Protein backbone atom coordinates (compact mmCIF):
# COMPACT_ATOMS: atom_id res chain seq x y z
CA MET A 1 -175.25 -42.65 -113.41
CA LEU A 2 -173.52 -44.79 -111.47
CA LEU A 3 -171.83 -41.84 -109.16
CA GLY A 4 -175.49 -40.89 -108.59
CA ALA A 5 -176.55 -44.47 -107.69
CA ALA A 6 -173.55 -44.72 -105.63
CA LEU A 7 -174.39 -41.67 -103.76
CA LEU A 8 -178.04 -42.40 -103.36
CA ALA A 9 -176.97 -46.06 -101.95
CA GLY A 10 -174.55 -44.33 -99.76
CA GLY A 11 -177.04 -41.70 -98.29
CA ALA A 12 -179.80 -44.58 -97.46
CA ALA A 13 -177.17 -46.90 -95.60
CA ALA A 14 -176.36 -43.43 -93.82
CA VAL A 15 -180.08 -42.54 -92.87
CA PHE A 16 -181.69 -46.33 -92.29
CA PRO A 17 -179.86 -46.61 -88.43
CA MET A 18 -182.00 -43.50 -87.56
CA VAL A 19 -185.09 -44.66 -89.75
CA TRP A 20 -184.77 -47.96 -88.00
CA MET A 21 -184.17 -46.43 -84.54
CA VAL A 22 -187.64 -43.93 -84.50
CA ALA A 23 -189.58 -46.90 -86.40
CA ALA A 24 -188.57 -49.46 -83.76
CA SER A 25 -189.12 -46.67 -80.77
CA PHE A 26 -192.98 -47.15 -81.91
CA MET A 27 -192.92 -51.05 -82.04
CA ARG A 28 -194.62 -53.13 -79.31
CA THR A 29 -191.86 -55.09 -77.17
CA GLY A 30 -190.37 -57.68 -78.97
CA GLU A 31 -191.13 -56.76 -82.42
CA ALA A 32 -187.94 -55.18 -83.31
CA SER A 33 -186.08 -58.91 -82.75
CA THR A 34 -188.76 -60.70 -85.18
CA TYR A 35 -187.54 -62.50 -87.80
CA PRO A 36 -187.73 -61.65 -90.67
CA PRO A 37 -187.17 -58.01 -89.65
CA HIS A 38 -189.49 -55.29 -90.77
CA LEU A 39 -188.80 -51.71 -90.87
CA LEU A 40 -192.14 -50.00 -90.30
CA PRO A 41 -194.23 -51.02 -87.13
CA ARG A 42 -197.33 -53.08 -87.62
CA ALA A 43 -199.23 -51.13 -85.00
CA PRO A 44 -197.65 -48.40 -83.66
CA THR A 45 -197.93 -47.62 -79.96
CA LEU A 46 -196.51 -44.89 -77.61
CA GLU A 47 -196.39 -47.47 -74.97
CA HIS A 48 -192.66 -47.22 -74.54
CA TYR A 49 -192.29 -43.23 -74.57
CA ARG A 50 -194.68 -43.81 -71.79
CA ALA A 51 -193.17 -46.25 -69.78
CA LEU A 52 -189.85 -43.90 -69.95
CA PHE A 53 -191.64 -41.36 -68.19
CA THR A 54 -192.96 -43.42 -65.84
CA ARG A 55 -189.95 -45.63 -64.98
CA LEU A 56 -187.78 -43.06 -65.72
CA ASP A 57 -187.26 -39.33 -64.58
CA VAL A 58 -186.44 -38.25 -67.93
CA GLY A 59 -187.16 -34.49 -67.38
CA ARG A 60 -184.50 -34.34 -64.68
CA TYR A 61 -181.98 -36.13 -66.44
CA ALA A 62 -182.61 -34.14 -69.72
CA LEU A 63 -182.08 -30.52 -67.62
CA ASN A 64 -179.27 -32.03 -65.98
CA SER A 65 -177.44 -32.64 -69.79
CA LEU A 66 -178.97 -29.41 -70.84
CA LEU A 67 -177.11 -27.72 -68.20
CA VAL A 68 -173.72 -29.31 -68.64
CA ALA A 69 -174.30 -29.03 -72.23
CA ALA A 70 -174.76 -25.54 -72.50
CA LEU A 71 -172.28 -24.46 -69.69
CA VAL A 72 -169.66 -26.52 -71.49
CA THR A 73 -170.43 -24.70 -75.35
CA GLY A 74 -170.95 -21.19 -73.70
CA LEU A 75 -167.66 -21.12 -71.85
CA SER A 76 -165.85 -23.12 -74.85
CA LEU A 77 -166.95 -20.55 -76.99
CA PHE A 78 -165.09 -17.88 -75.28
CA VAL A 79 -162.09 -19.80 -74.21
CA ASN A 80 -161.51 -21.50 -77.88
CA ALA A 81 -162.45 -18.10 -79.82
CA ALA A 82 -159.89 -16.38 -77.38
CA ALA A 83 -157.00 -18.95 -77.73
CA GLY A 84 -157.72 -19.16 -81.72
CA TYR A 85 -157.14 -15.85 -82.16
CA ALA A 86 -154.41 -15.16 -79.71
CA PHE A 87 -152.14 -17.61 -81.94
CA ALA A 88 -153.52 -16.44 -85.03
CA LYS A 89 -152.96 -12.73 -84.50
CA LEU A 90 -151.69 -11.87 -81.36
CA ARG A 91 -147.19 -11.76 -81.16
CA PHE A 92 -146.09 -13.12 -78.06
CA ARG A 93 -142.66 -15.30 -77.13
CA GLY A 94 -143.03 -18.98 -77.69
CA ARG A 95 -146.26 -18.83 -79.70
CA ASP A 96 -145.61 -21.13 -82.80
CA ARG A 97 -143.79 -23.25 -80.71
CA LEU A 98 -146.69 -23.41 -78.10
CA PHE A 99 -148.98 -24.08 -80.61
CA ARG A 100 -147.11 -26.90 -82.48
CA LEU A 101 -146.73 -28.45 -79.09
CA LEU A 102 -150.95 -28.35 -78.59
CA GLY A 103 -150.81 -29.97 -81.86
CA THR A 104 -148.86 -33.01 -81.13
CA ALA A 105 -151.44 -33.55 -78.47
CA LEU A 106 -154.21 -34.29 -80.72
CA VAL A 107 -152.92 -37.65 -81.42
CA VAL A 108 -152.99 -38.60 -77.37
CA PRO A 109 -156.26 -40.15 -76.65
CA THR A 110 -158.67 -39.36 -74.11
CA GLN A 111 -159.15 -42.17 -72.07
CA VAL A 112 -155.17 -41.91 -71.40
CA ALA A 113 -155.35 -38.47 -69.43
CA MET A 114 -158.66 -39.56 -67.69
CA LEU A 115 -157.09 -41.17 -64.83
CA PRO A 116 -154.52 -38.15 -63.83
CA LEU A 117 -157.67 -35.74 -64.31
CA PHE A 118 -159.87 -37.65 -62.01
CA LEU A 119 -156.99 -37.50 -59.25
CA LEU A 120 -156.97 -33.83 -59.98
CA LEU A 121 -160.26 -33.11 -59.57
CA LYS A 122 -160.58 -35.52 -56.46
CA ALA A 123 -157.60 -33.30 -54.97
CA LEU A 124 -159.59 -30.07 -55.88
CA HIS A 125 -163.14 -31.44 -54.33
CA LEU A 126 -164.58 -31.33 -57.61
CA VAL A 127 -165.42 -34.82 -58.12
CA ASN A 128 -169.88 -35.57 -57.81
CA THR A 129 -169.96 -31.52 -59.12
CA TYR A 130 -171.07 -30.32 -62.49
CA ALA A 131 -168.23 -28.43 -62.05
CA GLY A 132 -166.09 -31.72 -62.50
CA VAL A 133 -167.61 -32.44 -65.87
CA VAL A 134 -167.70 -28.76 -67.25
CA VAL A 135 -164.11 -27.54 -66.43
CA PRO A 136 -162.16 -30.48 -68.47
CA ALA A 137 -164.19 -30.00 -71.44
CA VAL A 138 -164.32 -26.36 -71.94
CA ALA A 139 -160.87 -26.25 -73.54
CA SER A 140 -160.69 -27.77 -76.92
CA ILE A 141 -157.17 -28.43 -79.14
CA PHE A 142 -159.11 -29.09 -81.78
CA CYS A 143 -161.50 -26.04 -81.36
CA ILE A 144 -158.52 -23.93 -80.94
CA PHE A 145 -157.18 -25.12 -84.34
CA LEU A 146 -160.39 -24.30 -86.31
CA VAL A 147 -160.77 -21.19 -84.84
CA ARG A 148 -157.00 -20.27 -85.58
CA GLN A 149 -157.17 -21.26 -89.09
CA TYR A 150 -160.41 -19.23 -89.25
CA ALA A 151 -159.04 -15.95 -87.59
CA LEU A 152 -156.06 -16.01 -90.24
CA SER A 153 -158.37 -14.83 -93.14
CA ILE A 154 -159.16 -11.83 -91.03
CA PRO A 155 -157.17 -9.18 -92.82
CA ASP A 156 -154.69 -7.26 -90.59
CA ASP A 157 -155.37 -4.08 -91.63
CA LEU A 158 -158.87 -4.11 -90.41
CA LEU A 159 -157.50 -4.91 -86.76
CA ASP A 160 -155.10 -1.98 -87.19
CA ALA A 161 -157.65 0.27 -88.32
CA ALA A 162 -159.81 -0.85 -85.06
CA ARG A 163 -156.82 0.13 -83.22
CA VAL A 164 -155.94 3.04 -84.57
CA ASP A 165 -159.42 4.39 -83.84
CA GLY A 166 -158.65 3.73 -80.44
CA ALA A 167 -160.30 0.52 -79.85
CA SER A 168 -158.43 -1.69 -76.94
CA GLU A 169 -157.76 -5.53 -77.68
CA TRP A 170 -160.82 -6.42 -75.71
CA ARG A 171 -162.99 -4.01 -78.14
CA VAL A 172 -161.23 -5.19 -81.18
CA PHE A 173 -162.19 -9.04 -80.08
CA ARG A 174 -165.71 -8.72 -79.29
CA SER A 175 -166.61 -6.00 -81.92
CA VAL A 176 -164.50 -7.05 -85.23
CA VAL A 177 -162.92 -10.50 -84.45
CA LEU A 178 -166.15 -12.60 -82.80
CA PRO A 179 -168.74 -11.04 -85.74
CA ALA A 180 -165.86 -12.16 -88.32
CA LEU A 181 -165.79 -15.64 -86.54
CA ARG A 182 -169.14 -16.19 -86.45
CA PRO A 183 -169.29 -19.34 -89.04
CA ALA A 184 -166.67 -20.73 -87.53
CA LEU A 185 -168.38 -20.24 -83.64
CA ALA A 186 -171.49 -21.57 -85.11
CA THR A 187 -169.57 -24.98 -86.34
CA MET A 188 -167.94 -25.32 -83.15
CA SER A 189 -171.05 -24.56 -80.86
CA ILE A 190 -172.61 -27.48 -82.70
CA TRP A 191 -169.81 -29.91 -82.15
CA THR A 192 -169.30 -29.24 -78.88
CA PHE A 193 -172.79 -29.22 -77.89
CA LEU A 194 -173.35 -32.71 -79.56
CA ALA A 195 -169.80 -34.01 -78.22
CA THR A 196 -170.85 -33.17 -74.67
CA TRP A 197 -174.87 -33.77 -74.64
CA ASN A 198 -173.74 -37.22 -76.15
CA ASP A 199 -170.92 -37.91 -73.62
CA PHE A 200 -171.46 -40.87 -71.47
CA LEU A 201 -167.77 -42.09 -70.16
CA TRP A 202 -167.05 -38.77 -68.35
CA PRO A 203 -169.87 -37.96 -66.70
CA LEU A 204 -169.98 -41.59 -65.86
CA ILE A 205 -166.69 -41.49 -63.67
CA VAL A 206 -167.02 -38.12 -61.92
CA LEU A 207 -171.03 -37.61 -61.29
CA THR A 208 -171.52 -40.41 -58.67
CA ASP A 209 -174.83 -38.94 -57.54
CA ASP A 210 -177.75 -40.46 -59.36
CA ARG A 211 -179.70 -37.16 -59.21
CA ARG A 212 -177.06 -35.54 -61.19
CA SER A 213 -176.93 -38.00 -64.04
CA THR A 214 -176.70 -36.82 -67.60
CA LEU A 215 -179.62 -38.35 -69.68
CA PRO A 216 -176.98 -41.24 -71.74
CA VAL A 217 -176.19 -42.41 -68.19
CA ALA A 218 -179.42 -42.57 -67.28
CA LEU A 219 -180.33 -44.43 -70.14
CA ALA A 220 -177.52 -46.85 -69.69
CA GLY A 221 -178.82 -47.76 -66.50
CA LEU A 222 -182.49 -48.44 -67.92
CA LEU A 223 -180.18 -50.81 -70.27
CA GLY A 224 -178.86 -53.09 -67.46
CA GLU A 225 -182.63 -53.17 -65.98
CA HIS A 226 -184.65 -54.30 -69.31
CA ALA A 227 -181.76 -55.61 -71.47
CA GLN A 228 -183.91 -57.62 -73.50
CA ASP A 229 -186.24 -54.49 -74.43
CA ALA A 230 -184.84 -52.89 -77.71
CA GLU A 231 -188.03 -51.11 -78.11
CA LEU A 232 -187.91 -49.06 -74.85
CA MET A 233 -184.34 -48.38 -75.82
CA MET A 234 -184.89 -47.13 -79.04
CA ALA A 235 -187.42 -44.39 -77.56
CA GLY A 236 -184.87 -43.26 -75.05
CA SER A 237 -182.27 -42.94 -78.15
CA VAL A 238 -184.88 -40.81 -79.96
CA LEU A 239 -185.29 -38.83 -77.14
CA THR A 240 -181.62 -38.15 -76.88
CA VAL A 241 -181.46 -37.03 -80.33
CA LEU A 242 -183.97 -34.23 -80.93
CA PRO A 243 -182.49 -31.74 -78.70
CA VAL A 244 -179.39 -32.14 -80.97
CA LEU A 245 -180.93 -32.36 -83.92
CA ALA A 246 -182.97 -28.88 -82.75
CA VAL A 247 -179.60 -27.56 -82.69
CA PHE A 248 -178.27 -28.44 -85.70
CA LEU A 249 -181.20 -27.42 -87.45
CA ALA A 250 -181.07 -23.91 -86.32
CA LEU A 251 -177.73 -23.39 -86.76
CA GLN A 252 -177.41 -25.48 -89.90
CA ARG A 253 -176.83 -22.38 -92.26
CA TYR A 254 -173.61 -21.22 -90.01
CA TYR A 255 -172.67 -25.07 -89.91
CA LEU A 256 -172.06 -25.32 -93.59
CA GLU A 257 -170.50 -21.91 -93.91
CA GLY A 258 -168.00 -22.56 -91.45
CA VAL A 259 -167.19 -26.04 -92.68
CA THR A 260 -167.20 -25.00 -96.36
CA ALA A 261 -164.98 -21.90 -95.60
CA GLY A 262 -161.79 -21.77 -97.97
CA SER A 263 -162.63 -24.49 -99.95
CA VAL A 264 -164.67 -22.37 -102.68
CA LYS A 265 -162.53 -19.60 -104.03
């Protein structure tokens, strides 16, 4: 009974910010800041959504975010799946030592590498290009680790049987390994798409042309212009969350399979 009540309270606390964000986006200007605060709008209005599409080219920035997130997700699925499979099943010199070295890099904060990475991209003339945003995000140590752990569960006999039948290593990877990794790939695609779509700092640094800005960067600019309009910002946040929520709902079944893999015997 107490455990159920505690879980219910925890779930309500987790969902409350999302509910308030949606409710505040339909409130009139200044209503979200009134005291005592209230959860539901007194007179729901769409004025903030209309204002967003009037003051901000939401469609352009959303397409920019979608382009970057889709490219990063698609490329990272292939690169990280191949790397994770290689570390799990292929034999090459220094494999375990290299994997341990990658594991130690997980504790290094991403912000530490931003300056040398920016200088490298500048030398390659990739600053203010989508390639400058996409390329550094393709390879992920965490995703390689996730795929490797999942690929270890694939029986070696299954791979050897395919090789005996004459399949090349590429055919084994494409026809045997990738289908077996489907839950892990679905989980990885959700995490990657979510992280890329919500990423603010790196696109802000690399993309200097406003026409190439992603949606979170454009909304941050709106915050500087309308600092007191919390309802407008909540409407922008709802628009930012909707695509990610759609992706999660579409891949929810595979995501749960990937997260719970190995936890139930």
